[in-house]
Amino acid sequence: MEDFKVRMFKMEPIRVRCRSCGKEIKASAGKPVCCGCSNMTTIKGNVISAVDMAKVVMLNTYNAADYDVSLSPSELEWQEKRNKRKVRKLDFEDRSFK
């Protein structure tokens, strides 16, 4: 059997610096964060926007980390059997009283 590796991302808040005002902005969960100067550097979720992106400096990015999530042969065999199982349909009687 083959070994499978899963690439997962280390989730850190995105940090950028606006060159116009020099303010460092750190993303917060679910809330847009803005520097407030004329460049309007904004972080919302994982999206960075600004009037002039040349004036924005990324301070960090997502780092990819490798995690070995390989299954043993017995676990792979169990998964294959589970995938091949049949789904049973249940038939119910209609016992409504009129």
PDB file of N, CA and C in Angstrom:
ATOM      1  N   MET A   1       0.828  -1.187   0.000  1.00  0.00           N
ATOM      2  CA  MET A   1       0.000   0.000   0.000  1.00  0.00           C
ATOM      3  C   MET A   1       0.876   1.256   0.000  1.00  0.00           C
ATOM      4  N   GLU A   2       0.294   2.340  -0.483  1.00  0.00           N
ATOM      5  CA  GLU A   2       1.032   3.594  -0.550  1.00  0.00           C
ATOM      6  C   GLU A   2       0.870   4.378   0.747  1.00  0.00           C
ATOM      7  N   ASP A   3       1.885   5.146   1.059  1.00  0.00           N
ATOM      8  CA  ASP A   3       1.790   6.040   2.206  1.00  0.00           C
ATOM      9  C   ASP A   3       1.287   7.397   1.712  1.00  0.00           C
ATOM     10  N   PHE A   4       0.339   7.942   2.425  1.00  0.00           N
ATOM     11  CA  PHE A   4      -0.229   9.233   2.043  1.00  0.00           C
ATOM     12  C   PHE A   4       0.203  10.288   3.051  1.00  0.00           C
ATOM     13  N   LYS A   5       0.527  11.456   2.543  1.00  0.00           N
ATOM     14  CA  LYS A   5       0.877  12.575   3.413  1.00  0.00           C
ATOM     15  C   LYS A   5      -0.123  13.688   3.174  1.00  0.00           C
ATOM     16  N   VAL A   6      -0.478  14.369   4.222  1.00  0.00           N
ATOM     17  CA  VAL A   6      -1.432  15.466   4.140  1.00  0.00           C
ATOM     18  C   VAL A   6      -0.696  16.752   4.469  1.00  0.00           C
ATOM     19  N   ARG A   7      -0.877  17.756   3.626  1.00  0.00           N
ATOM     20  CA  ARG A   7      -0.280  19.058   3.898  1.00  0.00           C
ATOM     21  C   ARG A   7      -1.298  19.886   4.655  1.00  0.00           C
ATOM     22  N   MET A   8      -0.906  20.351   5.819  1.00  0.00           N
ATOM     23  CA  MET A   8      -1.795  21.178   6.625  1.00  0.00           C
ATOM     24  C   MET A   8      -1.125  22.530   6.838  1.00  0.00           C
ATOM     25  N   PHE A   9      -1.936  23.543   7.067  1.00  0.00           N
ATOM     26  CA  PHE A   9      -1.410  24.881   7.246  1.00  0.00           C
ATOM     27  C   PHE A   9      -1.427  25.267   8.715  1.00  0.00           C
ATOM     28  N   LYS A  10      -0.339  25.875   9.123  1.00  0.00           N
ATOM     29  CA  LYS A  10      -0.258  26.407  10.467  1.00  0.00           C
ATOM     30  C   LYS A  10      -0.986  27.750  10.450  1.00  0.00           C
ATOM     31  N   MET A  11      -2.081  27.834  11.149  1.00  0.00           N
ATOM     32  CA  MET A  11      -2.927  29.013  11.073  1.00  0.00           C
ATOM     33  C   MET A  11      -2.477  30.069  12.083  1.00  0.00           C
ATOM     34  N   GLU A  12      -1.866  31.108  11.583  1.00  0.00           N
ATOM     35  CA  GLU A  12      -1.513  32.280  12.382  1.00  0.00           C
ATOM     36  C   GLU A  12      -2.277  33.448  11.793  1.00  0.00           C
ATOM     37  N   PRO A  13      -2.588  34.435  12.586  1.00  0.00           N
ATOM     38  CA  PRO A  13      -3.249  35.604  12.010  1.00  0.00           C
ATOM     39  C   PRO A  13      -2.322  36.312  11.022  1.00  0.00           C
ATOM     40  N   ILE A  14      -2.888  36.786   9.929  1.00  0.00           N
ATOM     41  CA  ILE A  14      -2.101  37.510   8.928  1.00  0.00           C
ATOM     42  C   ILE A  14      -1.705  38.861   9.517  1.00  0.00           C
ATOM     43  N   ARG A  15      -0.450  39.242   9.300  1.00  0.00           N
ATOM     44  CA  ARG A  15       0.027  40.556   9.744  1.00  0.00           C
ATOM     45  C   ARG A  15       0.611  41.298   8.549  1.00  0.00           C
ATOM     46  N   VAL A  16       0.229  42.551   8.384  1.00  0.00           N
ATOM     47  CA  VAL A  16       0.771  43.401   7.322  1.00  0.00           C
ATOM     48  C   VAL A  16       1.116  44.759   7.918  1.00  0.00           C
ATOM     49  N   ARG A  17       1.970  45.486   7.196  1.00  0.00           N
ATOM     50  CA  ARG A  17       2.315  46.842   7.613  1.00  0.00           C
ATOM     51  C   ARG A  17       2.004  47.793   6.467  1.00  0.00           C
ATOM     52  N   CYS A  18       1.315  48.854   6.773  1.00  0.00           N
ATOM     53  CA  CYS A  18       1.002  49.886   5.791  1.00  0.00           C
ATOM     54  C   CYS A  18       2.176  50.862   5.739  1.00  0.00           C
ATOM     55  N   ARG A  19       2.759  51.052   4.562  1.00  0.00           N
ATOM     56  CA  ARG A  19       3.905  51.966   4.431  1.00  0.00           C
ATOM     57  C   ARG A  19       3.479  53.425   4.492  1.00  0.00           C
ATOM     58  N   SER A  20       2.224  53.703   4.216  1.00  0.00           N
ATOM     59  CA  SER A  20       1.754  55.090   4.258  1.00  0.00           C
ATOM     60  C   SER A  20       1.776  55.646   5.680  1.00  0.00           C
ATOM     61  N   CYS A  21       1.211  54.892   6.609  1.00  0.00           N
ATOM     62  CA  CYS A  21       1.143  55.374   7.992  1.00  0.00           C
ATOM     63  C   CYS A  21       2.075  54.621   8.932  1.00  0.00           C
ATOM     64  N   GLY A  22       2.629  53.479   8.485  1.00  0.00           N
ATOM     65  CA  GLY A  22       3.551  52.709   9.304  1.00  0.00           C
ATOM     66  C   GLY A  22       2.863  51.832  10.343  1.00  0.00           C
ATOM     67  N   LYS A  23       1.550  51.732  10.284  1.00  0.00           N
ATOM     68  CA  LYS A  23       0.806  50.948  11.269  1.00  0.00           C
ATOM     69  C   LYS A  23       0.827  49.465  10.900  1.00  0.00           C
ATOM     70  N   GLU A  24       1.039  48.615  11.909  1.00  0.00           N
ATOM     71  CA  GLU A  24       1.012  47.165  11.700  1.00  0.00           C
ATOM     72  C   GLU A  24      -0.396  46.674  12.016  1.00  0.00           C
ATOM     73  N   ILE A  25      -0.947  45.890  11.088  1.00  0.00           N
ATOM     74  CA  ILE A  25      -2.312  45.404  11.224  1.00  0.00           C
ATOM     75  C   ILE A  25      -2.278  43.898  11.381  1.00  0.00           C
ATOM     76  N   LYS A  26      -3.043  43.384  12.351  1.00  0.00           N
ATOM     77  CA  LYS A  26      -3.127  41.944  12.607  1.00  0.00           C
ATOM     78  C   LYS A  26      -4.583  41.531  12.437  1.00  0.00           C
ATOM     79  N   ALA A  27      -4.816  40.484  11.654  1.00  0.00           N
ATOM     80  CA  ALA A  27      -6.179  40.030  11.387  1.00  0.00           C
ATOM     81  C   ALA A  27      -6.811  39.476  12.651  1.00  0.00           C
ATOM     82  N   SER A  28      -8.110  39.736  12.797  1.00  0.00           N
ATOM     83  CA  SER A  28      -8.862  39.138  13.892  1.00  0.00           C
ATOM     84  C   SER A  28      -9.994  38.314  13.291  1.00  0.00           C
ATOM     85  N   ALA A  29     -10.453  37.334  14.023  1.00  0.00           N
ATOM     86  CA  ALA A  29     -11.434  36.385  13.498  1.00  0.00           C
ATOM     87  C   ALA A  29     -12.767  37.063  13.206  1.00  0.00           C
ATOM     88  N   GLY A  30     -13.154  37.050  11.923  1.00  0.00           N
ATOM     89  CA  GLY A  30     -14.473  37.519  11.535  1.00  0.00           C
ATOM     90  C   GLY A  30     -14.658  39.016  11.476  1.00  0.00           C
ATOM     91  N   LYS A  31     -13.676  39.798  11.907  1.00  0.00           N
ATOM     92  CA  LYS A  31     -13.810  41.254  11.891  1.00  0.00           C
ATOM     93  C   LYS A  31     -12.821  41.861  10.918  1.00  0.00           C
ATOM     94  N   PRO A  32     -13.268  42.764  10.054  1.00  0.00           N
ATOM     95  CA  PRO A  32     -12.303  43.461   9.207  1.00  0.00           C
ATOM     96  C   PRO A  32     -11.503  44.472  10.039  1.00  0.00           C
ATOM     97  N   VAL A  33     -10.200  44.536   9.777  1.00  0.00           N
ATOM     98  CA  VAL A  33      -9.320  45.456  10.486  1.00  0.00           C
ATOM     99  C   VAL A  33      -8.716  46.397   9.467  1.00  0.00           C
ATOM    100  N   CYS A  34      -8.719  47.698   9.759  1.00  0.00           N
ATOM    101  CA  CYS A  34      -8.255  48.718   8.821  1.00  0.00           C
ATOM    102  C   CYS A  34      -7.250  49.629   9.511  1.00  0.00           C
ATOM    103  N   CYS A  35      -6.286  50.158   8.743  1.00  0.00           N
ATOM    104  CA  CYS A  35      -5.285  51.047   9.329  1.00  0.00           C
ATOM    105  C   CYS A  35      -5.840  52.459   9.543  1.00  0.00           C
ATOM    106  N   GLY A  36      -6.759  52.906   8.689  1.00  0.00           N
ATOM    107  CA  GLY A  36      -7.405  54.205   8.892  1.00  0.00           C
ATOM    108  C   GLY A  36      -6.771  55.364   8.152  1.00  0.00           C
ATOM    109  N   CYS A  37      -5.668  55.146   7.427  1.00  0.00           N
ATOM    110  CA  CYS A  37      -5.056  56.237   6.673  1.00  0.00           C
ATOM    111  C   CYS A  37      -5.676  56.309   5.275  1.00  0.00           C
ATOM    112  N   SER A  38      -5.124  57.153   4.404  1.00  0.00           N
ATOM    113  CA  SER A  38      -5.676  57.326   3.066  1.00  0.00           C
ATOM    114  C   SER A  38      -5.497  56.082   2.189  1.00  0.00           C
ATOM    115  N   ASN A  39      -4.570  55.188   2.541  1.00  0.00           N
ATOM    116  CA  ASN A  39      -4.359  53.963   1.762  1.00  0.00           C
ATOM    117  C   ASN A  39      -5.418  52.901   2.083  1.00  0.00           C
ATOM    118  N   MET A  40      -6.041  52.990   3.235  1.00  0.00           N
ATOM    119  CA  MET A  40      -7.111  52.073   3.661  1.00  0.00           C
ATOM    120  C   MET A  40      -6.698  50.602   3.537  1.00  0.00           C
ATOM    121  N   THR A  41      -5.561  50.241   4.109  1.00  0.00           N
ATOM    122  CA  THR A  41      -5.142  48.847   4.138  1.00  0.00           C
ATOM    123  C   THR A  41      -6.095  48.090   5.055  1.00  0.00           C
ATOM    124  N   THR A  42      -6.730  47.034   4.526  1.00  0.00           N
ATOM    125  CA  THR A  42      -7.756  46.304   5.262  1.00  0.00           C
ATOM    126  C   THR A  42      -7.494  44.811   5.173  1.00  0.00           C
ATOM    127  N   ILE A  43      -7.703  44.113   6.288  1.00  0.00           N
ATOM    128  CA  ILE A  43      -7.637  42.653   6.318  1.00  0.00           C
ATOM    129  C   ILE A  43      -8.997  42.157   6.774  1.00  0.00           C
ATOM    130  N   LYS A  44      -9.600  41.294   5.965  1.00  0.00           N
ATOM    131  CA  LYS A  44     -10.866  40.662   6.338  1.00  0.00           C
ATOM    132  C   LYS A  44     -10.739  39.174   6.036  1.00  0.00           C
ATOM    133  N   GLY A  45     -10.679  38.362   7.083  1.00  0.00           N
ATOM    134  CA  GLY A  45     -10.461  36.926   6.908  1.00  0.00           C
ATOM    135  C   GLY A  45      -9.060  36.689   6.375  1.00  0.00           C
ATOM    136  N   ASN A  46      -8.959  36.121   5.169  1.00  0.00           N
ATOM    137  CA  ASN A  46      -7.647  35.914   4.559  1.00  0.00           C
ATOM    138  C   ASN A  46      -7.467  36.788   3.324  1.00  0.00           C
ATOM    139  N   VAL A  47      -8.234  37.897   3.228  1.00  0.00           N
ATOM    140  CA  VAL A  47      -8.162  38.810   2.089  1.00  0.00           C
ATOM    141  C   VAL A  47      -7.548  40.133   2.548  1.00  0.00           C
ATOM    142  N   ILE A  48      -6.548  40.579   1.802  1.00  0.00           N
ATOM    143  CA  ILE A  48      -5.902  41.857   2.084  1.00  0.00           C
ATOM    144  C   ILE A  48      -6.239  42.812   0.958  1.00  0.00           C
ATOM    145  N   SER A  49      -6.681  44.011   1.294  1.00  0.00           N
ATOM    146  CA  SER A  49      -6.995  44.999   0.258  1.00  0.00           C
ATOM    147  C   SER A  49      -6.435  46.349   0.670  1.00  0.00           C
ATOM    148  N   ALA A  50      -6.165  47.180  -0.348  1.00  0.00           N
ATOM    149  CA  ALA A  50      -5.669  48.534  -0.118  1.00  0.00           C
ATOM    150  C   ALA A  50      -5.850  49.335  -1.400  1.00  0.00           C
ATOM    151  N   VAL A  51      -5.803  50.662  -1.279  1.00  0.00           N
ATOM    152  CA  VAL A  51      -5.883  51.512  -2.463  1.00  0.00           C
ATOM    153  C   VAL A  51      -4.651  51.290  -3.326  1.00  0.00           C
ATOM    154  N   ASP A  52      -3.463  51.279  -2.702  1.00  0.00           N
ATOM    155  CA  ASP A  52      -2.208  51.019  -3.404  1.00  0.00           C
ATOM    156  C   ASP A  52      -1.501  49.852  -2.716  1.00  0.00           C
ATOM    157  N   MET A  53      -1.558  48.680  -3.342  1.00  0.00           N
ATOM    158  CA  MET A  53      -0.967  47.489  -2.735  1.00  0.00           C
ATOM    159  C   MET A  53       0.563  47.550  -2.688  1.00  0.00           C
ATOM    160  N   ALA A  54       1.182  48.460  -3.456  1.00  0.00           N
ATOM    161  CA  ALA A  54       2.635  48.621  -3.411  1.00  0.00           C
ATOM    162  C   ALA A  54       3.077  49.195  -2.068  1.00  0.00           C
ATOM    163  N   LYS A  55       2.138  49.799  -1.345  1.00  0.00           N
ATOM    164  CA  LYS A  55       2.451  50.381  -0.036  1.00  0.00           C
ATOM    165  C   LYS A  55       2.121  49.437   1.116  1.00  0.00           C
ATOM    166  N   VAL A  56       1.909  48.155   0.813  1.00  0.00           N
ATOM    167  CA  VAL A  56       1.581  47.162   1.846  1.00  0.00           C
ATOM    168  C   VAL A  56       2.696  46.129   1.901  1.00  0.00           C
ATOM    169  N   VAL A  57       3.174  45.821   3.097  1.00  0.00           N
ATOM    170  CA  VAL A  57       4.239  44.842   3.299  1.00  0.00           C
ATOM    171  C   VAL A  57       3.661  43.677   4.098  1.00  0.00           C
ATOM    172  N   MET A  58       3.798  42.448   3.549  1.00  0.00           N
ATOM    173  CA  MET A  58       3.368  41.248   4.278  1.00  0.00           C
ATOM    174  C   MET A  58       4.430  40.912   5.321  1.00  0.00           C
ATOM    175  N   LEU A  59       4.026  40.753   6.568  1.00  0.00           N
ATOM    176  CA  LEU A  59       4.966  40.417   7.628  1.00  0.00           C
ATOM    177  C   LEU A  59       5.042  38.915   7.878  1.00  0.00           C
ATOM    178  N   ASN A  60       3.956  38.202   7.595  1.00  0.00           N
ATOM    179  CA  ASN A  60       3.995  36.735   7.709  1.00  0.00           C
ATOM    180  C   ASN A  60       3.020  36.134   6.718  1.00  0.00           C
ATOM    181  N   THR A  61       3.202  34.852   6.440  1.00  0.00           N
ATOM    182  CA  THR A  61       2.312  34.113   5.557  1.00  0.00           C
ATOM    183  C   THR A  61       2.022  32.776   6.214  1.00  0.00           C
ATOM    184  N   TYR A  62       1.146  31.991   5.599  1.00  0.00           N
ATOM    185  CA  TYR A  62       0.865  30.662   6.117  1.00  0.00           C
ATOM    186  C   TYR A  62       2.045  29.760   5.795  1.00  0.00           C
ATOM    187  N   ASN A  63       2.510  29.036   6.795  1.00  0.00           N
ATOM    188  CA  ASN A  63       3.614  28.093   6.606  1.00  0.00           C
ATOM    189  C   ASN A  63       3.036  26.696   6.455  1.00  0.00           C
ATOM    190  N   ALA A  64       3.421  26.020   5.388  1.00  0.00           N
ATOM    191  CA  ALA A  64       2.945  24.653   5.175  1.00  0.00           C
ATOM    192  C   ALA A  64       3.767  23.701   6.032  1.00  0.00           C
ATOM    193  N   ALA A  65       3.100  22.806   6.728  1.00  0.00           N
ATOM    194  CA  ALA A  65       3.780  21.812   7.555  1.00  0.00           C
ATOM    195  C   ALA A  65       3.327  20.433   7.118  1.00  0.00           C
ATOM    196  N   ASP A  66       4.258  19.506   7.052  1.00  0.00           N
ATOM    197  CA  ASP A  66       3.920  18.143   6.652  1.00  0.00           C
ATOM    198  C   ASP A  66       3.602  17.306   7.884  1.00  0.00           C
ATOM    199  N   TYR A  67       2.469  16.634   7.827  1.00  0.00           N
ATOM    200  CA  TYR A  67       2.083  15.707   8.877  1.00  0.00           C
ATOM    201  C   TYR A  67       1.898  14.339   8.236  1.00  0.00           C
ATOM    202  N   ASP A  68       2.483  13.334   8.838  1.00  0.00           N
ATOM    203  CA  ASP A  68       2.364  11.983   8.307  1.00  0.00           C
ATOM    204  C   ASP A  68       1.089  11.365   8.871  1.00  0.00           C
ATOM    205  N   VAL A  69       0.098  11.171   8.002  1.00  0.00           N
ATOM    206  CA  VAL A  69      -1.191  10.631   8.416  1.00  0.00           C
ATOM    207  C   VAL A  69      -1.441   9.328   7.677  1.00  0.00           C
ATOM    208  N   SER A  70      -0.419   8.515   7.581  1.00  0.00           N
ATOM    209  CA  SER A  70      -0.577   7.264   6.844  1.00  0.00           C
ATOM    210  C   SER A  70      -1.286   6.242   7.729  1.00  0.00           C
ATOM    211  N   LEU A  71      -2.108   5.421   7.091  1.00  0.00           N
ATOM    212  CA  LEU A  71      -2.863   4.399   7.798  1.00  0.00           C
ATOM    213  C   LEU A  71      -2.130   3.068   7.712  1.00  0.00           C
ATOM    214  N   SER A  72      -2.328   2.250   8.711  1.00  0.00           N
ATOM    215  CA  SER A  72      -1.726   0.921   8.689  1.00  0.00           C
ATOM    216  C   SER A  72      -2.490   0.052   7.686  1.00  0.00           C
ATOM    217  N   PRO A  73      -1.908  -1.045   7.226  1.00  0.00           N
ATOM    218  CA  PRO A  73      -2.603  -1.896   6.256  1.00  0.00           C
ATOM    219  C   PRO A  73      -3.956  -2.412   6.749  1.00  0.00           C
ATOM    220  N   SER A  74      -4.054  -2.730   8.038  1.00  0.00           N
ATOM    221  CA  SER A  74      -5.337  -3.212   8.570  1.00  0.00           C
ATOM    222  C   SER A  74      -6.390  -2.104   8.553  1.00  0.00           C
ATOM    223  N   GLU A  75      -5.980  -0.872   8.841  1.00  0.00           N
ATOM    224  CA  GLU A  75      -6.923   0.254   8.796  1.00  0.00           C
ATOM    225  C   GLU A  75      -7.373   0.534   7.368  1.00  0.00           C
ATOM    226  N   LEU A  76      -6.453   0.434   6.402  1.00  0.00           N
ATOM    227  CA  LEU A  76      -6.819   0.624   4.999  1.00  0.00           C
ATOM    228  C   LEU A  76      -7.801  -0.448   4.534  1.00  0.00           C
ATOM    229  N   GLU A  77      -7.565  -1.697   4.950  1.00  0.00           N
ATOM    230  CA  GLU A  77      -8.465  -2.789   4.587  1.00  0.00           C
ATOM    231  C   GLU A  77      -9.854  -2.557   5.171  1.00  0.00           C
ATOM    232  N   TRP A  78      -9.915  -2.094   6.423  1.00  0.00           N
ATOM    233  CA  TRP A  78     -11.197  -1.803   7.068  1.00  0.00           C
ATOM    234  C   TRP A  78     -11.934  -0.691   6.320  1.00  0.00           C
ATOM    235  N   GLN A  79     -11.200   0.343   5.895  1.00  0.00           N
ATOM    236  CA  GLN A  79     -11.808   1.455   5.152  1.00  0.00           C
ATOM    237  C   GLN A  79     -12.366   0.966   3.818  1.00  0.00           C
ATOM    238  N   GLU A  80     -11.637   0.097   3.124  1.00  0.00           N
ATOM    239  CA  GLU A  80     -12.106  -0.437   1.843  1.00  0.00           C
ATOM    240  C   GLU A  80     -13.383  -1.245   2.017  1.00  0.00           C
ATOM    241  N   LYS A  81     -13.440  -2.074   3.054  1.00  0.00           N
ATOM    242  CA  LYS A  81     -14.651  -2.849   3.323  1.00  0.00           C
ATOM    243  C   LYS A  81     -15.820  -1.925   3.633  1.00  0.00           C
ATOM    244  N   ARG A  82     -15.559  -0.888   4.372  1.00  0.00           N
ATOM    245  CA  ARG A  82     -16.609   0.065   4.754  1.00  0.00           C
ATOM    246  C   ARG A  82     -17.144   0.791   3.525  1.00  0.00           C
ATOM    247  N   ASN A  83     -16.279   1.112   2.569  1.00  0.00           N
ATOM    248  CA  ASN A  83     -16.713   1.808   1.356  1.00  0.00           C
ATOM    249  C   ASN A  83     -17.581   0.928   0.467  1.00  0.00           C
ATOM    250  N   LYS A  84     -17.386  -0.384   0.518  1.00  0.00           N
ATOM    251  CA  LYS A  84     -18.111  -1.297  -0.366  1.00  0.00           C
ATOM    252  C   LYS A  84     -19.437  -1.778   0.210  1.00  0.00           C
ATOM    253  N   ARG A  85     -19.771  -1.366   1.421  1.00  0.00           N
ATOM    254  CA  ARG A  85     -21.006  -1.867   2.029  1.00  0.00           C
ATOM    255  C   ARG A  85     -22.230  -1.314   1.314  1.00  0.00           C
ATOM    256  N   LYS A  86     -23.308  -2.016   1.402  1.00  0.00           N
ATOM    257  CA  LYS A  86     -24.562  -1.629   0.763  1.00  0.00           C
ATOM    258  C   LYS A  86     -25.402  -0.833   1.749  1.00  0.00           C
ATOM    259  N   VAL A  87     -26.187   0.060   1.225  1.00  0.00           N
ATOM    260  CA  VAL A  87     -27.106   0.836   2.045  1.00  0.00           C
ATOM    261  C   VAL A  87     -28.472   0.177   1.942  1.00  0.00           C
ATOM    262  N   ARG A  88     -29.049  -0.148   3.087  1.00  0.00           N
ATOM    263  CA  ARG A  88     -30.355  -0.803   3.102  1.00  0.00           C
ATOM    264  C   ARG A  88     -31.459   0.241   3.139  1.00  0.00           C
ATOM    265  N   LYS A  89     -32.489   0.016   2.356  1.00  0.00           N
ATOM    266  CA  LYS A  89     -33.651   0.884   2.393  1.00  0.00           C
ATOM    267  C   LYS A  89     -34.663   0.281   3.350  1.00  0.00           C
ATOM    268  N   LEU A  90     -35.276   1.109   4.131  1.00  0.00           N
ATOM    269  CA  LEU A  90     -36.289   0.650   5.059  1.00  0.00           C
ATOM    270  C   LEU A  90     -37.661   0.970   4.487  1.00  0.00           C
ATOM    271  N   ASP A  91     -38.516  -0.038   4.472  1.00  0.00           N
ATOM    272  CA  ASP A  91     -39.888   0.157   4.025  1.00  0.00           C
ATOM    273  C   ASP A  91     -40.791   0.204   5.233  1.00  0.00           C
ATOM    274  N   PHE A  92     -41.597   1.222   5.320  1.00  0.00           N
ATOM    275  CA  PHE A  92     -42.511   1.373   6.434  1.00  0.00           C
ATOM    276  C   PHE A  92     -43.942   1.172   5.953  1.00  0.00           C
ATOM    277  N   GLU A  93     -44.731   0.552   6.797  1.00  0.00           N
ATOM    278  CA  GLU A  93     -46.145   0.382   6.469  1.00  0.00           C
ATOM    279  C   GLU A  93     -46.888   1.668   6.759  1.00  0.00           C
ATOM    280  N   ASP A  94     -47.894   1.917   5.978  1.00  0.00           N
ATOM    281  CA  ASP A  94     -48.733   3.080   6.208  1.00  0.00           C
ATOM    282  C   ASP A  94     -49.935   2.630   7.033  1.00  0.00           C
ATOM    283  N   ARG A  95     -49.958   2.980   8.308  1.00  0.00           N
ATOM    284  CA  ARG A  95     -51.041   2.571   9.189  1.00  0.00           C
ATOM    285  C   ARG A  95     -51.887   3.758   9.613  1.00  0.00           C
ATOM    286  N   SER A  96     -52.110   4.639   8.722  1.00  0.00           N
ATOM    287  CA  SER A  96     -52.927   5.805   9.074  1.00  0.00           C
ATOM    288  C   SER A  96     -54.393   5.398   9.163  1.00  0.00           C
ATOM    289  N   PHE A  97     -55.051   5.882  10.173  1.00  0.00           N
ATOM    290  CA  PHE A  97     -56.483   5.565  10.394  1.00  0.00           C
ATOM    291  C   PHE A  97     -57.318   6.664   9.792  1.00  0.00           C
ATOM    292  N   LYS A  98     -58.310   6.276   9.036  1.00  0.00           N
ATOM    293  CA  LYS A  98     -59.191   7.259   8.400  1.00  0.00           C
ATOM    294  C   LYS A  98     -60.550   7.237   8.978  1.00  0.00           C
TER     295      LYS A  98
END
